Each structure stands twice: as structure tokens, then as C-alpha cells.
Amino acid sequence: MSTVSDYPLPMPEIALLSPLRDVPELTLLDMIAVGWLLFLVVGMSWYVDSGPRARESASGLMRVRRMAWMEEMAMREVRIVDSGLLRGLQSGSSFFASTSLICLGGLLAMMGQAERLAEVAASMPFAHPSGPDAFRLRLVVPVAMIVFSFFKFAWAQRLFGYCAVMIGATPERREGNDAAVRRAARDAGQLNWLAARSFARGLRGLYFTLAALAFLIGPLALIAAAAGIALMIYRREFRSESRAAMLGEY
């Protein structure tokens, strides 16, 4: 007489675990490439803004000029020129913030076409073979970088607005208020610098987003592209002709 145990039952756990087999696993080289990118993003930001050579960078030199600008602003009775210059800086940060959102939409659309794009990427020279799911995972890196850039540009625009308010609140020079005028100019200059620093970090984020797109080809392409972007940033900050012009050495 047969019992229920004589008839093997289907194993539902196999059906439940089968989708997990389709989830791509990042290789050690992929993790190293992503870590290398993050190291360069954080490292270049620290080296340019706070490192031992921060004052020698183009951004550091412009910080001094921004402080001088605010000091000159405090000496002027009519500050229309200063307001116009600040509006130009705000429009630049607003443009790049909008551009970042457009780029984000494009990257998210690429995730929906992962199957076709994975085939195109696999056909490129030196490409690291990967399926659509792995392709989507690699797209997370440039998406994260573009989101980072958007927040930096949006914050820079807000800070430039704060700086405009500080300019409006800077008192005119009168007898006995020199200390208050200098303090207001110094505070406005610091806000101007913080806005410019956020804007510069947003630009560096865009640069490294382009490097992150190389991850779609493979981890080696990401490592090479990130290193190339870091060298380009170093050259522009410390070896460029524009920096020489700031120093009067061009």
C-alpha cells in the first residue's frame, strides 16, 4: 500500500530561488574599479579644496579674488555691477542643474534598453562581457554621480542667492562703521567662495560621470577613464594657462 511519502512533491524553494540565479554578481575587479572611482572623486575634491596645495590651485587663487571682490563691493555706493555678476553666476549653476536632470533622465531611459545596449557594449573592443542585469547595475554608478552633481549645482545656486542677500545687507561706509562694513564684506566673500566650491564640485562630478559611463564597457575601462579625468582636473587646477593668467605669469 503506497503512502503520500512515496510520491515526491515539487520543491517550491527551487522556483523561489531561481530568480536569484539571474542576479549578476559583481566581480572583484568591478569592486576595485568602483572603489578606485570613489577614491579619485573624494581625493581630488580634498586635494584641490583642502589639501596642502589648495591655495596654489586655480580654485584657491580665485578664492582670494572673490574675497577682494566683496571688499571692493563694500566700498561702492552703487552695487549694480556686483548684482549683475552674481546673477551670471546663478544662471550658470541653474543651467548645469537643469542639464544634470536631463542627463539623469537619459540614464534612466538607458536602463529600460539594457538588453540592446548590453549587446552594443559587448561588441566594443576590450569589452567585459555582461548581461542586461549586469549592465543595469553598472548604470547605477553614473546615475549616482549625476545625482551628486545635481545636488551640488542646486546648492551652489542657493548659496549665490544667499550671497546676493549679503551684498544687499552690507551697509554703506559711514564714519565709525568701517569694522561692520569689513565684517559684512568678509561674510559675503565667504558665502561666495562656498557657492563657487559647490559649483566646482558639481563640475567635477560631471567629469567623473563621463568616466563612470566607461564602466558599461568594463571595469578596466572605468579605471583608465577615471585616472584620465583625475589627470585632466589636476592639469586644469595646477598646470593650466588660465592659472598662469591668474598669477600674471601667462
Protein backbone atom coordinates (compact mmCIF):
# COMPACT_ATOMS: atom_id res chain seq x y z
CA MET A 1 0.00 0.00 0.00
CA SER A 2 1.50 3.28 -1.11
CA THR A 3 1.68 6.31 1.11
CA VAL A 4 1.93 10.00 0.47
CA SER A 5 5.68 9.88 1.06
CA ASP A 6 6.09 7.55 -1.93
CA TYR A 7 5.17 10.35 -4.32
CA PRO A 8 7.80 13.11 -4.48
CA LEU A 9 6.32 16.55 -4.12
CA PRO A 10 7.54 19.52 -6.17
CA MET A 11 10.08 21.68 -4.42
CA PRO A 12 8.77 25.25 -4.30
CA GLU A 13 12.04 26.54 -2.97
CA ILE A 14 13.67 25.93 -6.33
CA ALA A 15 11.11 28.14 -8.01
CA LEU A 16 11.59 30.77 -5.35
CA LEU A 17 15.35 30.75 -5.62
CA SER A 18 15.53 30.62 -9.40
CA PRO A 19 15.21 34.41 -9.85
CA LEU A 20 18.21 34.85 -7.58
CA ARG A 21 20.33 32.96 -10.06
CA ASP A 22 19.69 35.70 -12.63
CA VAL A 23 21.02 38.41 -10.34
CA PRO A 24 24.50 39.33 -11.57
CA GLU A 25 27.36 39.15 -9.15
CA LEU A 26 29.95 41.90 -9.23
CA THR A 27 33.43 40.54 -9.66
CA LEU A 28 36.37 41.61 -7.53
CA LEU A 29 37.67 43.68 -10.44
CA ASP A 30 34.33 45.50 -10.64
CA MET A 31 34.51 46.36 -6.95
CA ILE A 32 38.09 47.57 -7.32
CA ALA A 33 37.09 49.78 -10.25
CA VAL A 34 34.20 51.37 -8.33
CA GLY A 35 36.43 51.86 -5.29
CA TRP A 36 39.07 53.49 -7.50
CA LEU A 37 36.47 55.89 -8.88
CA LEU A 38 35.23 56.85 -5.41
CA PHE A 39 38.80 57.29 -4.21
CA LEU A 40 39.57 59.71 -7.04
CA VAL A 41 36.32 61.65 -6.59
CA VAL A 42 36.91 62.19 -2.88
CA GLY A 43 40.68 62.50 -3.21
CA MET A 44 40.64 65.15 -5.93
CA SER A 45 37.99 67.13 -4.07
CA TRP A 46 40.15 67.11 -0.94
CA TYR A 47 43.40 67.82 -2.78
CA VAL A 48 42.01 70.81 -4.70
CA ASP A 49 39.90 72.35 -1.92
CA SER A 50 41.68 71.43 1.32
CA GLY A 51 44.97 69.73 0.53
CA PRO A 52 48.48 71.07 1.12
CA ARG A 53 48.44 72.80 -2.28
CA ALA A 54 44.88 74.09 -2.09
CA ARG A 55 45.97 77.75 -2.13
CA GLU A 56 48.03 77.12 -5.27
CA SER A 57 45.11 75.69 -7.25
CA ALA A 58 43.06 77.77 -9.65
CA SER A 59 40.12 77.48 -7.28
CA GLY A 60 42.28 78.65 -4.36
CA LEU A 61 43.55 81.63 -6.34
CA MET A 62 40.02 82.59 -7.28
CA ARG A 63 39.02 82.40 -3.63
CA VAL A 64 41.38 85.28 -2.90
CA ARG A 65 39.93 87.25 -5.81
CA ARG A 66 36.39 86.60 -4.62
CA MET A 67 37.23 87.98 -1.20
CA ALA A 68 38.82 91.03 -2.86
CA TRP A 69 35.68 91.44 -4.99
CA MET A 70 33.47 91.61 -1.91
CA GLU A 71 35.82 94.09 -0.26
CA GLU A 72 35.61 96.33 -3.34
CA MET A 73 31.84 95.88 -3.36
CA ALA A 74 31.65 97.25 0.17
CA MET A 75 33.44 100.42 -0.98
CA ARG A 76 30.93 101.15 -3.75
CA GLU A 77 27.79 103.15 -3.13
CA VAL A 78 26.02 101.69 -6.18
CA ARG A 79 26.32 97.90 -6.41
CA ILE A 80 24.50 97.18 -9.65
CA VAL A 81 27.63 95.72 -11.21
CA ASP A 82 28.06 93.27 -8.34
CA SER A 83 24.43 92.18 -8.58
CA GLY A 84 24.79 91.61 -12.33
CA LEU A 85 27.91 89.49 -11.86
CA LEU A 86 26.17 87.42 -9.22
CA ARG A 87 23.16 86.84 -11.48
CA GLY A 88 25.53 85.49 -14.10
CA LEU A 89 26.98 83.03 -11.61
CA GLN A 90 23.49 81.96 -10.58
CA SER A 91 22.43 81.37 -14.17
CA GLY A 92 25.46 79.13 -14.70
CA SER A 93 24.64 76.93 -11.73
CA SER A 94 20.96 76.84 -12.75
CA PHE A 95 21.89 75.73 -16.27
CA PHE A 96 24.05 72.88 -15.06
CA ALA A 97 21.44 71.77 -12.52
CA SER A 98 18.86 71.53 -15.31
CA THR A 99 21.36 69.73 -17.52
CA SER A 100 22.03 67.22 -14.76
CA LEU A 101 18.32 66.38 -14.56
CA ILE A 102 18.18 65.87 -18.33
CA CYS A 103 21.21 63.57 -18.16
CA LEU A 104 19.60 61.67 -15.30
CA GLY A 105 16.51 61.08 -17.42
CA GLY A 106 18.68 59.78 -20.24
CA LEU A 107 20.50 57.36 -17.96
CA LEU A 108 17.24 56.04 -16.54
CA ALA A 109 15.97 55.55 -20.09
CA MET A 110 19.12 53.55 -20.84
CA MET A 111 18.17 51.15 -18.07
CA GLY A 112 14.99 50.37 -19.97
CA GLN A 113 17.01 49.47 -23.06
CA ALA A 114 19.59 47.40 -21.21
CA GLU A 115 19.24 44.36 -23.49
CA ARG A 116 20.13 46.22 -26.69
CA LEU A 117 22.79 48.39 -25.09
CA ALA A 118 24.46 45.37 -23.47
CA GLU A 119 24.86 43.82 -26.92
CA VAL A 120 26.36 47.04 -28.28
CA ALA A 121 28.74 47.35 -25.33
CA ALA A 122 29.82 43.72 -25.65
CA SER A 123 30.75 44.26 -29.31
CA MET A 124 33.21 47.03 -28.46
CA PRO A 125 36.97 46.28 -28.27
CA PHE A 126 38.25 45.19 -24.85
CA ALA A 127 34.67 44.98 -23.56
CA HIS A 128 34.00 42.90 -20.46
CA PRO A 129 31.13 40.52 -21.26
CA SER A 130 27.98 41.13 -19.22
CA GLY A 131 24.26 40.51 -19.45
CA PRO A 132 21.42 43.05 -19.26
CA ASP A 133 21.15 42.78 -15.48
CA ALA A 134 24.85 43.46 -15.00
CA PHE A 135 24.54 46.35 -17.45
CA ARG A 136 21.79 47.88 -15.31
CA LEU A 137 23.93 47.54 -12.21
CA ARG A 138 26.79 49.32 -13.91
CA LEU A 139 24.47 52.15 -14.84
CA VAL A 140 23.91 52.79 -11.13
CA VAL A 141 27.39 54.32 -10.90
CA PRO A 142 26.88 57.16 -13.43
CA VAL A 143 23.35 57.70 -12.08
CA ALA A 144 24.77 58.19 -8.59
CA MET A 145 27.41 60.59 -9.91
CA ILE A 146 24.89 62.70 -11.84
CA VAL A 147 22.60 62.90 -8.79
CA PHE A 148 25.59 64.07 -6.74
CA SER A 149 26.31 66.77 -9.33
CA PHE A 150 22.71 67.95 -9.35
CA PHE A 151 22.67 68.47 -5.61
CA LYS A 152 25.95 70.40 -5.77
CA PHE A 153 24.69 72.70 -8.54
CA ALA A 154 21.36 73.27 -6.80
CA TRP A 155 23.14 74.12 -3.53
CA ALA A 156 25.54 76.45 -5.36
CA GLN A 157 22.59 78.35 -6.81
CA ARG A 158 21.08 78.67 -3.35
CA LEU A 159 24.36 79.93 -1.90
CA PHE A 160 24.76 82.52 -4.65
CA GLY A 161 21.29 83.72 -3.68
CA TYR A 162 22.41 83.99 -0.07
CA CYS A 163 25.43 85.96 -1.23
CA ALA A 164 23.16 88.37 -3.10
CA VAL A 165 21.24 88.97 0.13
CA MET A 166 24.52 89.56 1.97
CA ILE A 167 25.53 92.12 -0.63
CA GLY A 168 22.22 93.91 -0.17
CA ALA A 169 22.68 93.84 3.61
CA THR A 170 26.21 95.24 3.51
CA PRO A 171 25.99 98.75 4.98
CA GLU A 172 27.34 101.78 3.18
CA ARG A 173 30.53 103.27 4.52
CA ARG A 174 29.91 105.92 7.13
CA GLU A 175 32.02 107.43 9.80
CA GLY A 176 32.69 104.90 12.52
CA ASN A 177 31.27 101.78 10.80
CA ASP A 178 34.40 100.56 9.00
CA ALA A 179 34.58 97.41 11.13
CA ALA A 180 30.95 96.48 10.38
CA VAL A 181 31.47 97.03 6.65
CA ARG A 182 34.60 94.89 6.58
CA ARG A 183 32.88 92.14 8.54
CA ALA A 184 29.88 92.13 6.18
CA ALA A 185 32.18 92.05 3.15
CA ARG A 186 34.16 89.16 4.61
CA ASP A 187 30.99 87.18 5.30
CA ALA A 188 29.70 87.81 1.78
CA GLY A 189 33.05 86.74 0.34
CA GLN A 190 32.98 83.52 2.33
CA LEU A 191 29.49 82.70 1.04
CA ASN A 192 30.64 83.48 -2.48
CA TRP A 193 33.53 81.07 -2.07
CA LEU A 194 31.34 78.31 -0.63
CA ALA A 195 28.96 78.66 -3.58
CA ALA A 196 31.87 78.51 -6.01
CA ARG A 197 33.27 75.43 -4.25
CA SER A 198 29.95 73.64 -4.51
CA PHE A 199 29.72 74.58 -8.19
CA ALA A 200 33.25 73.31 -8.84
CA ARG A 201 32.47 70.01 -7.11
CA GLY A 202 29.39 69.67 -9.28
CA LEU A 203 31.54 70.14 -12.38
CA ARG A 204 33.98 67.53 -11.16
CA GLY A 205 31.02 65.24 -10.59
CA LEU A 206 30.02 65.70 -14.24
CA TYR A 207 33.56 64.91 -15.35
CA PHE A 208 33.60 61.71 -13.35
CA THR A 209 30.13 60.83 -14.64
CA LEU A 210 31.67 60.61 -18.09
CA ALA A 211 34.32 58.32 -16.64
CA ALA A 212 31.62 56.22 -14.96
CA LEU A 213 29.99 55.63 -18.35
CA ALA A 214 33.12 53.70 -19.31
CA PHE A 215 32.04 51.13 -16.73
CA LEU A 216 29.46 49.98 -19.29
CA ILE A 217 32.37 48.63 -21.32
CA GLY A 218 34.11 47.04 -18.37
CA PRO A 219 35.97 47.66 -15.10
CA LEU A 220 39.33 48.23 -16.80
CA ALA A 221 37.78 50.96 -18.93
CA LEU A 222 36.42 52.60 -15.78
CA ILE A 223 39.82 52.52 -14.09
CA ALA A 224 41.53 54.09 -17.11
CA ALA A 225 38.82 56.71 -17.68
CA ALA A 226 38.73 57.77 -14.01
CA ALA A 227 42.52 58.15 -13.97
CA GLY A 228 42.35 60.25 -17.14
CA ILE A 229 39.71 62.55 -15.65
CA ALA A 230 41.75 62.97 -12.46
CA LEU A 231 44.82 63.95 -14.51
CA MET A 232 42.75 66.44 -16.50
CA ILE A 233 41.44 68.05 -13.29
CA TYR A 234 44.97 68.24 -11.88
CA ARG A 235 46.24 69.91 -15.03
CA ARG A 236 43.45 72.50 -15.07
CA GLU A 237 43.90 73.33 -11.41
CA PHE A 238 47.71 73.41 -11.22
CA ARG A 239 49.25 73.43 -14.72
CA SER A 240 46.82 75.32 -16.95
CA GLU A 241 47.35 78.55 -18.85
CA SER A 242 44.33 80.06 -17.11
CA ARG A 243 46.03 79.56 -13.74
CA ALA A 244 49.15 81.24 -15.10
CA ALA A 245 46.98 84.17 -16.20
CA MET A 246 45.57 84.47 -12.68
CA LEU A 247 49.13 84.76 -11.39
CA GLY A 248 50.13 87.24 -14.11
CA GLU A 249 52.66 84.74 -15.50
CA TYR A 250 50.97 83.95 -18.82
